[in-house]
């Protein structure tokens, strides 16, 4: 049972890291650097793409933190059960 939880939280860490990478890719490649004098349509597209990248990055960071905290809690429960 403990191995299932360990795998579950490891999955959270991996999924979070992948989501962070996708968010960074979206911010750097898709949204990119804004133009100097953009049209209103270009400003809207840039703002929307930046928001999507920010949300992907935030979700990935939350998943990583939840996974790491879960693994730490499991470690402490395991060490308490052994002693």
Protein backbone atom coordinates (compact mmCIF):
# COMPACT_ATOMS: atom_id res chain seq x y z
CA UNK A 1 0.00 0.00 0.00
CA UNK A 2 2.84 2.38 0.83
CA UNK A 3 4.39 1.70 -2.57
CA UNK A 4 1.14 2.77 -4.25
CA UNK A 5 1.16 6.07 -2.41
CA UNK A 6 4.85 6.54 -3.20
CA UNK A 7 4.15 5.94 -6.90
CA UNK A 8 1.11 8.22 -6.73
CA UNK A 9 3.11 11.14 -5.34
CA UNK A 10 6.00 10.43 -7.71
CA UNK A 11 3.47 10.73 -10.52
CA UNK A 12 2.44 14.12 -9.19
CA UNK A 13 6.05 15.31 -9.24
CA UNK A 14 6.64 14.05 -12.78
CA UNK A 15 3.33 15.44 -14.07
CA UNK A 16 4.08 18.78 -12.42
CA UNK A 17 7.54 18.94 -13.95
CA UNK A 18 6.14 18.15 -17.40
CA UNK A 19 3.47 20.80 -16.94
CA UNK A 20 6.11 23.35 -15.90
CA UNK A 21 8.09 22.58 -19.05
CA UNK A 22 4.98 22.97 -21.22
CA UNK A 23 4.18 26.27 -19.49
CA UNK A 24 7.69 27.61 -20.05
CA UNK A 25 7.57 26.49 -23.68
CA UNK A 26 4.23 28.27 -24.10
CA UNK A 27 5.56 31.44 -22.50
CA UNK A 28 8.80 31.53 -24.48
CA UNK A 29 7.84 30.13 -27.88
CA UNK A 30 4.11 30.71 -28.34
CA UNK A 31 3.71 34.02 -26.53
CA UNK A 32 7.27 35.15 -27.19
CA UNK A 33 8.47 38.70 -26.89
CA UNK A 34 5.82 41.35 -27.54
CA UNK A 35 6.18 43.64 -30.51
CA UNK A 36 7.21 47.25 -30.01
CA UNK A 37 4.05 48.86 -31.43
CA UNK A 38 1.47 46.05 -31.60
CA UNK A 39 -2.04 46.38 -32.92
CA UNK A 40 -4.88 45.85 -30.41
CA UNK A 41 -5.47 42.36 -31.84
CA UNK A 42 -1.81 41.45 -31.31
CA UNK A 43 -1.95 42.77 -27.74
CA UNK A 44 -5.00 40.61 -27.01
CA UNK A 45 -3.35 37.51 -28.49
CA UNK A 46 -0.15 38.12 -26.54
CA UNK A 47 -2.05 38.65 -23.28
CA UNK A 48 -4.10 35.48 -23.82
CA UNK A 49 -1.02 33.40 -24.64
CA UNK A 50 0.84 34.75 -21.61
CA UNK A 51 -2.13 33.92 -19.37
CA UNK A 52 -2.27 30.35 -20.67
CA UNK A 53 1.47 29.93 -20.09
CA UNK A 54 1.19 31.36 -16.58
CA UNK A 55 -1.67 29.02 -15.69
CA UNK A 56 0.17 25.97 -17.03
CA UNK A 57 3.28 26.92 -15.08
CA UNK A 58 1.29 27.52 -11.89
CA UNK A 59 -0.55 24.20 -12.13
CA UNK A 60 2.74 22.42 -12.70
CA UNK A 61 4.33 24.10 -9.70
CA UNK A 62 1.36 23.17 -7.50
CA UNK A 63 1.51 19.55 -8.66
CA UNK A 64 5.24 19.38 -7.91
CA UNK A 65 4.81 20.87 -4.45
CA UNK A 66 1.92 18.53 -3.60
CA UNK A 67 3.95 15.53 -4.76
CA UNK A 68 7.05 16.55 -2.83
CA UNK A 69 5.05 17.25 0.35
CA UNK A 70 3.29 13.91 -0.03
CA UNK A 71 6.60 12.09 -0.39
CA UNK A 72 7.97 13.87 2.70
CA UNK A 73 4.89 12.93 4.73
CA UNK A 74 5.20 9.31 3.60
CA UNK A 75 8.87 9.32 4.59
CA UNK A 76 8.03 10.53 8.10
CA UNK A 77 5.21 7.98 8.48
CA UNK A 78 7.55 5.23 7.35
CA UNK A 79 10.26 6.26 9.80
CA UNK A 80 7.70 6.48 12.65
CA UNK A 81 6.34 3.01 11.84
CA UNK A 82 9.83 1.47 11.84
CA UNK A 83 10.89 2.86 15.23
